[in-house]
Amino acid sequence: MGTLAALIPITGILAGIIAAHLAKNEIKPGQKYFQLLQHAMLGVILSVMLWKIPILAIISGIILFVLLYATNFKHPIGAMTLLAIPAILKPATQIPIFLYYVPTGTLNEKSKNIIAVIVYAIIILIYHLFF
């Protein structure tokens, strides 16, 4: 998979920033739904990564979603940038990663989003330059 295709998921942050700018009044009431979407997308990403064993993939994705929802996980920047690894290893995860980044772009402040985009891009570029 090419470098450009691996960089496409970070456009989800841009889409989230645009959505947040266009619908400023709806961000606060919709925050719980954005977090629910983030939890679900991480479960989907894990399931896609483990899809060689379908039962394990489905069960682990559901368990991850329930754990994230129950603990009210806050999705730090480190989790955002480490999603470059599944995007490289399993190209099928790029769409769920894009969908994960849309609510991330709406919920985080602009500086955190820029840092996440830069680190994600650096990870992708280093992989494609040296491996």
N, C-alpha and C. Protein backbone atom coordinates (compact mmCIF):
# COMPACT_ATOMS: atom_id res chain seq x y z
N MET A 1 0.85 -1.17 0.00
CA MET A 1 0.00 0.00 0.00
C MET A 1 0.89 1.23 0.00
N GLY A 2 0.52 2.21 -0.77
CA GLY A 2 1.34 3.40 -0.91
C GLY A 2 1.23 4.36 0.26
N THR A 3 2.16 5.28 0.27
CA THR A 3 2.21 6.27 1.34
C THR A 3 0.97 7.16 1.33
N LEU A 4 0.54 7.57 0.15
CA LEU A 4 -0.61 8.45 0.06
C LEU A 4 -1.87 7.78 0.61
N ALA A 5 -2.07 6.52 0.29
CA ALA A 5 -3.24 5.80 0.80
C ALA A 5 -3.21 5.68 2.31
N ALA A 6 -2.02 5.52 2.89
CA ALA A 6 -1.90 5.42 4.34
C ALA A 6 -2.09 6.77 5.02
N LEU A 7 -1.91 7.86 4.28
CA LEU A 7 -2.11 9.19 4.84
C LEU A 7 -3.56 9.67 4.76
N ILE A 8 -4.38 9.01 3.96
CA ILE A 8 -5.77 9.42 3.78
C ILE A 8 -6.57 9.41 5.10
N PRO A 9 -6.39 8.43 6.01
CA PRO A 9 -7.19 8.46 7.23
C PRO A 9 -7.08 9.74 8.06
N ILE A 10 -5.94 10.42 7.99
CA ILE A 10 -5.83 11.63 8.81
C ILE A 10 -6.67 12.78 8.26
N THR A 11 -7.22 12.62 7.06
CA THR A 11 -8.16 13.64 6.58
C THR A 11 -9.45 13.60 7.39
N GLY A 12 -9.65 12.53 8.16
CA GLY A 12 -10.80 12.47 9.06
C GLY A 12 -10.75 13.56 10.11
N ILE A 13 -9.53 13.90 10.56
CA ILE A 13 -9.40 14.99 11.53
C ILE A 13 -9.84 16.30 10.88
N LEU A 14 -9.43 16.50 9.62
CA LEU A 14 -9.85 17.71 8.90
C LEU A 14 -11.37 17.73 8.75
N ALA A 15 -11.96 16.60 8.44
CA ALA A 15 -13.42 16.54 8.32
C ALA A 15 -14.08 16.85 9.66
N GLY A 16 -13.49 16.36 10.75
CA GLY A 16 -14.03 16.66 12.08
C GLY A 16 -13.92 18.12 12.44
N ILE A 17 -12.81 18.75 12.08
CA ILE A 17 -12.62 20.18 12.36
C ILE A 17 -13.63 21.00 11.56
N ILE A 18 -13.85 20.62 10.30
CA ILE A 18 -14.84 21.33 9.47
C ILE A 18 -16.24 21.14 10.05
N ALA A 19 -16.58 19.91 10.47
CA ALA A 19 -17.90 19.66 11.06
C ALA A 19 -18.07 20.47 12.34
N ALA A 20 -17.02 20.54 13.15
CA ALA A 20 -17.10 21.32 14.40
C ALA A 20 -17.28 22.81 14.11
N HIS A 21 -16.63 23.28 13.06
CA HIS A 21 -16.75 24.69 12.71
C HIS A 21 -18.15 25.02 12.18
N LEU A 22 -18.72 24.11 11.41
CA LEU A 22 -20.03 24.36 10.82
C LEU A 22 -21.17 24.20 11.82
N ALA A 23 -20.98 23.33 12.81
CA ALA A 23 -22.07 23.06 13.76
C ALA A 23 -21.59 23.29 15.19
N LYS A 24 -21.21 24.50 15.50
CA LYS A 24 -20.65 24.81 16.82
C LYS A 24 -21.64 24.54 17.95
N ASN A 25 -22.92 24.79 17.73
CA ASN A 25 -23.92 24.61 18.78
C ASN A 25 -24.22 23.15 19.08
N GLU A 26 -23.97 22.27 18.12
CA GLU A 26 -24.32 20.86 18.30
C GLU A 26 -23.19 20.02 18.87
N ILE A 27 -22.01 20.59 19.02
CA ILE A 27 -20.87 19.82 19.50
C ILE A 27 -21.06 19.38 20.94
N LYS A 28 -21.48 20.28 21.80
CA LYS A 28 -21.64 19.95 23.22
C LYS A 28 -22.71 18.88 23.45
N PRO A 29 -23.92 19.00 22.88
CA PRO A 29 -24.92 17.94 23.09
C PRO A 29 -24.54 16.62 22.42
N GLY A 30 -23.77 16.67 21.35
CA GLY A 30 -23.41 15.45 20.63
C GLY A 30 -22.12 14.80 21.10
N GLN A 31 -21.51 15.34 22.14
CA GLN A 31 -20.22 14.83 22.60
C GLN A 31 -20.29 13.36 23.01
N LYS A 32 -21.37 12.95 23.69
CA LYS A 32 -21.46 11.55 24.12
C LYS A 32 -21.58 10.61 22.91
N TYR A 33 -22.23 11.07 21.85
CA TYR A 33 -22.35 10.25 20.65
C TYR A 33 -21.02 10.16 19.89
N PHE A 34 -20.25 11.25 19.91
CA PHE A 34 -18.93 11.22 19.30
C PHE A 34 -18.02 10.24 20.04
N GLN A 35 -18.07 10.26 21.37
CA GLN A 35 -17.25 9.32 22.14
C GLN A 35 -17.71 7.89 21.90
N LEU A 36 -19.01 7.67 21.78
CA LEU A 36 -19.53 6.34 21.48
C LEU A 36 -19.03 5.86 20.12
N LEU A 37 -19.00 6.76 19.14
CA LEU A 37 -18.47 6.41 17.82
C LEU A 37 -16.98 6.09 17.89
N GLN A 38 -16.23 6.83 18.70
CA GLN A 38 -14.80 6.54 18.86
C GLN A 38 -14.60 5.15 19.46
N HIS A 39 -15.35 4.83 20.49
CA HIS A 39 -15.23 3.51 21.12
C HIS A 39 -15.57 2.41 20.12
N ALA A 40 -16.64 2.60 19.37
CA ALA A 40 -17.05 1.60 18.39
C ALA A 40 -15.99 1.42 17.30
N MET A 41 -15.40 2.52 16.84
CA MET A 41 -14.39 2.42 15.78
C MET A 41 -13.13 1.71 16.27
N LEU A 42 -12.73 1.92 17.51
CA LEU A 42 -11.58 1.18 18.03
C LEU A 42 -11.89 -0.31 18.10
N GLY A 43 -13.12 -0.67 18.46
CA GLY A 43 -13.53 -2.07 18.45
C GLY A 43 -13.51 -2.65 17.04
N VAL A 44 -13.97 -1.89 16.07
CA VAL A 44 -13.95 -2.34 14.67
C VAL A 44 -12.52 -2.50 14.17
N ILE A 45 -11.64 -1.56 14.52
CA ILE A 45 -10.24 -1.64 14.09
C ILE A 45 -9.59 -2.90 14.65
N LEU A 46 -9.83 -3.19 15.93
CA LEU A 46 -9.29 -4.42 16.53
C LEU A 46 -9.86 -5.65 15.84
N SER A 47 -11.15 -5.64 15.54
CA SER A 47 -11.77 -6.78 14.86
C SER A 47 -11.18 -7.00 13.48
N VAL A 48 -10.95 -5.94 12.75
CA VAL A 48 -10.36 -6.07 11.41
C VAL A 48 -8.93 -6.61 11.50
N MET A 49 -8.19 -6.15 12.52
CA MET A 49 -6.81 -6.62 12.69
C MET A 49 -6.77 -8.12 12.98
N LEU A 50 -7.78 -8.65 13.66
CA LEU A 50 -7.80 -10.06 14.05
C LEU A 50 -8.72 -10.90 13.17
N TRP A 51 -9.07 -10.44 11.98
CA TRP A 51 -10.11 -11.08 11.20
C TRP A 51 -9.76 -12.48 10.69
N LYS A 52 -8.52 -12.91 10.79
CA LYS A 52 -8.15 -14.28 10.37
C LYS A 52 -8.87 -15.31 11.23
N ILE A 53 -9.20 -14.94 12.48
CA ILE A 53 -9.94 -15.82 13.38
C ILE A 53 -11.24 -15.09 13.71
N PRO A 54 -12.30 -15.30 12.93
CA PRO A 54 -13.52 -14.49 13.04
C PRO A 54 -14.16 -14.45 14.43
N ILE A 55 -14.23 -15.59 15.10
CA ILE A 55 -14.87 -15.60 16.42
C ILE A 55 -14.08 -14.74 17.40
N LEU A 56 -12.75 -14.88 17.39
CA LEU A 56 -11.90 -14.08 18.26
C LEU A 56 -12.02 -12.60 17.91
N ALA A 57 -12.10 -12.29 16.63
CA ALA A 57 -12.22 -10.90 16.19
C ALA A 57 -13.51 -10.27 16.71
N ILE A 58 -14.60 -10.96 16.56
CA ILE A 58 -15.89 -10.42 16.98
C ILE A 58 -15.96 -10.26 18.50
N ILE A 59 -15.53 -11.29 19.21
CA ILE A 59 -15.58 -11.25 20.67
C ILE A 59 -14.65 -10.17 21.21
N SER A 60 -13.43 -10.08 20.68
CA SER A 60 -12.48 -9.07 21.19
C SER A 60 -12.95 -7.66 20.85
N GLY A 61 -13.54 -7.45 19.69
CA GLY A 61 -14.06 -6.13 19.33
C GLY A 61 -15.20 -5.71 20.25
N ILE A 62 -16.09 -6.65 20.57
CA ILE A 62 -17.20 -6.34 21.48
C ILE A 62 -16.69 -6.07 22.89
N ILE A 63 -15.74 -6.88 23.35
CA ILE A 63 -15.18 -6.69 24.69
C ILE A 63 -14.47 -5.34 24.79
N LEU A 64 -13.68 -4.98 23.75
CA LEU A 64 -13.00 -3.68 23.77
C LEU A 64 -14.01 -2.54 23.80
N PHE A 65 -15.06 -2.63 23.00
CA PHE A 65 -16.08 -1.58 22.98
C PHE A 65 -16.74 -1.44 24.36
N VAL A 66 -17.11 -2.56 24.98
CA VAL A 66 -17.76 -2.52 26.29
C VAL A 66 -16.82 -1.94 27.35
N LEU A 67 -15.55 -2.35 27.32
CA LEU A 67 -14.58 -1.83 28.29
C LEU A 67 -14.37 -0.32 28.11
N LEU A 68 -14.22 0.12 26.88
CA LEU A 68 -14.04 1.55 26.64
C LEU A 68 -15.27 2.35 27.07
N TYR A 69 -16.44 1.81 26.78
CA TYR A 69 -17.68 2.51 27.14
C TYR A 69 -17.87 2.53 28.65
N ALA A 70 -17.57 1.42 29.32
CA ALA A 70 -17.76 1.34 30.76
C ALA A 70 -16.78 2.22 31.53
N THR A 71 -15.55 2.33 31.03
CA THR A 71 -14.54 3.11 31.74
C THR A 71 -14.50 4.57 31.30
N ASN A 72 -15.30 4.92 30.29
CA ASN A 72 -15.33 6.29 29.76
C ASN A 72 -13.93 6.74 29.34
N PHE A 73 -13.27 5.91 28.55
CA PHE A 73 -11.92 6.16 28.05
C PHE A 73 -11.88 7.47 27.27
N LYS A 74 -10.84 8.27 27.47
CA LYS A 74 -10.78 9.63 26.91
C LYS A 74 -9.99 9.77 25.60
N HIS A 75 -9.40 8.73 25.05
CA HIS A 75 -8.71 8.76 23.76
C HIS A 75 -7.60 9.80 23.68
N PRO A 76 -6.47 9.51 24.30
CA PRO A 76 -5.35 10.47 24.27
C PRO A 76 -4.72 10.55 22.88
N ILE A 77 -3.86 11.53 22.71
CA ILE A 77 -3.19 11.73 21.42
C ILE A 77 -2.34 10.51 21.06
N GLY A 78 -1.76 9.86 22.05
CA GLY A 78 -0.94 8.67 21.78
C GLY A 78 -1.73 7.59 21.07
N ALA A 79 -2.97 7.38 21.49
CA ALA A 79 -3.83 6.39 20.81
C ALA A 79 -4.14 6.83 19.39
N MET A 80 -4.30 8.14 19.21
CA MET A 80 -4.58 8.65 17.88
C MET A 80 -3.41 8.41 16.93
N THR A 81 -2.21 8.65 17.41
CA THR A 81 -1.05 8.53 16.53
C THR A 81 -0.64 7.08 16.32
N LEU A 82 -0.89 6.22 17.30
CA LEU A 82 -0.52 4.81 17.14
C LEU A 82 -1.43 4.09 16.15
N LEU A 83 -2.50 4.72 15.74
CA LEU A 83 -3.35 4.10 14.72
C LEU A 83 -2.67 4.08 13.36
N ALA A 84 -1.50 4.68 13.24
CA ALA A 84 -0.75 4.59 11.99
C ALA A 84 -0.27 3.15 11.78
N ILE A 85 -0.03 2.43 12.85
CA ILE A 85 0.48 1.06 12.74
C ILE A 85 -0.55 0.13 12.10
N PRO A 86 -1.82 0.10 12.57
CA PRO A 86 -2.80 -0.73 11.85
C PRO A 86 -3.03 -0.26 10.41
N ALA A 87 -2.92 1.04 10.16
CA ALA A 87 -3.11 1.54 8.80
C ALA A 87 -2.03 1.01 7.86
N ILE A 88 -0.83 0.80 8.40
CA ILE A 88 0.27 0.25 7.60
C ILE A 88 0.11 -1.25 7.44
N LEU A 89 -0.13 -1.94 8.54
CA LEU A 89 -0.16 -3.40 8.53
C LEU A 89 -1.39 -3.98 7.85
N LYS A 90 -2.53 -3.36 8.02
CA LYS A 90 -3.78 -3.87 7.49
C LYS A 90 -4.51 -2.73 6.79
N PRO A 91 -4.36 -2.58 5.48
CA PRO A 91 -5.02 -1.47 4.78
C PRO A 91 -6.54 -1.43 4.96
N ALA A 92 -7.15 -2.55 5.31
CA ALA A 92 -8.61 -2.57 5.52
C ALA A 92 -9.03 -1.74 6.73
N THR A 93 -8.09 -1.38 7.59
CA THR A 93 -8.42 -0.57 8.76
C THR A 93 -8.44 0.92 8.47
N GLN A 94 -8.09 1.31 7.27
CA GLN A 94 -7.98 2.74 6.99
C GLN A 94 -9.32 3.46 7.02
N ILE A 95 -10.39 2.81 6.60
CA ILE A 95 -11.71 3.45 6.65
C ILE A 95 -12.19 3.59 8.10
N PRO A 96 -12.09 2.53 8.95
CA PRO A 96 -12.46 2.75 10.35
C PRO A 96 -11.58 3.78 11.05
N ILE A 97 -10.31 3.87 10.67
CA ILE A 97 -9.44 4.88 11.27
C ILE A 97 -9.90 6.28 10.84
N PHE A 98 -10.27 6.44 9.57
CA PHE A 98 -10.83 7.71 9.11
C PHE A 98 -12.07 8.07 9.92
N LEU A 99 -12.97 7.09 10.11
CA LEU A 99 -14.19 7.33 10.88
C LEU A 99 -13.90 7.59 12.36
N TYR A 100 -12.81 7.03 12.88
CA TYR A 100 -12.40 7.31 14.25
C TYR A 100 -11.93 8.75 14.38
N TYR A 101 -11.24 9.23 13.36
CA TYR A 101 -10.68 10.58 13.42
C TYR A 101 -11.71 11.69 13.25
N VAL A 102 -12.87 11.41 12.66
CA VAL A 102 -13.89 12.47 12.49
C VAL A 102 -14.37 13.00 13.84
N PRO A 103 -14.82 12.14 14.78
CA PRO A 103 -15.20 12.71 16.08
C PRO A 103 -13.99 13.21 16.87
N THR A 104 -12.83 12.66 16.61
CA THR A 104 -11.62 13.14 17.27
C THR A 104 -11.34 14.58 16.88
N GLY A 105 -11.54 14.90 15.62
CA GLY A 105 -11.34 16.27 15.16
C GLY A 105 -12.34 17.24 15.73
N THR A 106 -13.54 16.75 16.05
CA THR A 106 -14.54 17.64 16.63
C THR A 106 -14.35 17.84 18.13
N LEU A 107 -13.86 16.84 18.83
CA LEU A 107 -13.77 16.90 20.29
C LEU A 107 -12.49 17.54 20.80
N ASN A 108 -11.38 17.39 20.08
CA ASN A 108 -10.10 17.90 20.55
C ASN A 108 -9.90 19.34 20.10
N GLU A 109 -9.00 20.01 20.81
CA GLU A 109 -8.66 21.36 20.39
C GLU A 109 -7.71 21.30 19.20
N LYS A 110 -7.59 22.39 18.49
CA LYS A 110 -6.87 22.43 17.22
C LYS A 110 -5.40 22.03 17.37
N SER A 111 -4.74 22.47 18.42
CA SER A 111 -3.31 22.17 18.59
C SER A 111 -3.07 20.67 18.77
N LYS A 112 -3.95 19.99 19.51
CA LYS A 112 -3.80 18.54 19.68
C LYS A 112 -4.01 17.82 18.36
N ASN A 113 -4.95 18.28 17.56
CA ASN A 113 -5.19 17.66 16.26
C ASN A 113 -3.99 17.84 15.34
N ILE A 114 -3.39 19.01 15.35
CA ILE A 114 -2.23 19.25 14.49
C ILE A 114 -1.06 18.37 14.91
N ILE A 115 -0.83 18.25 16.21
CA ILE A 115 0.25 17.39 16.70
C ILE A 115 0.00 15.94 16.29
N ALA A 116 -1.24 15.47 16.43
CA ALA A 116 -1.56 14.10 16.05
C ALA A 116 -1.34 13.86 14.56
N VAL A 117 -1.74 14.80 13.73
CA VAL A 117 -1.56 14.67 12.28
C VAL A 117 -0.08 14.61 11.94
N ILE A 118 0.72 15.46 12.55
CA ILE A 118 2.16 15.49 12.26
C ILE A 118 2.82 14.17 12.67
N VAL A 119 2.53 13.69 13.87
CA VAL A 119 3.16 12.45 14.34
C VAL A 119 2.70 11.27 13.50
N TYR A 120 1.41 11.21 13.16
CA TYR A 120 0.87 10.14 12.31
C TYR A 120 1.60 10.14 10.96
N ALA A 121 1.73 11.32 10.36
CA ALA A 121 2.39 11.42 9.05
C ALA A 121 3.86 11.02 9.15
N ILE A 122 4.53 11.39 10.22
CA ILE A 122 5.93 11.02 10.39
C ILE A 122 6.08 9.51 10.50
N ILE A 123 5.20 8.86 11.26
CA ILE A 123 5.26 7.39 11.39
C ILE A 123 5.07 6.73 10.03
N ILE A 124 4.10 7.18 9.27
CA ILE A 124 3.84 6.61 7.94
C ILE A 124 5.03 6.83 7.01
N LEU A 125 5.55 8.04 6.99
CA LEU A 125 6.67 8.35 6.09
C LEU A 125 7.94 7.58 6.47
N ILE A 126 8.22 7.47 7.76
CA ILE A 126 9.40 6.70 8.19
C ILE A 126 9.26 5.25 7.77
N TYR A 127 8.07 4.69 7.94
CA TYR A 127 7.87 3.30 7.54
C TYR A 127 8.11 3.12 6.04
N HIS A 128 7.54 4.00 5.24
CA HIS A 128 7.66 3.84 3.80
C HIS A 128 9.05 4.23 3.27
N LEU A 129 9.79 5.04 3.99
CA LEU A 129 11.15 5.37 3.56
C LEU A 129 12.17 4.29 3.92
N PHE A 130 11.98 3.66 5.06
CA PHE A 130 13.00 2.74 5.55
C PHE A 130 12.61 1.27 5.51
N PHE A 131 11.36 0.92 5.25
CA PHE A 131 10.98 -0.49 5.24
C PHE A 131 10.40 -0.88 3.91
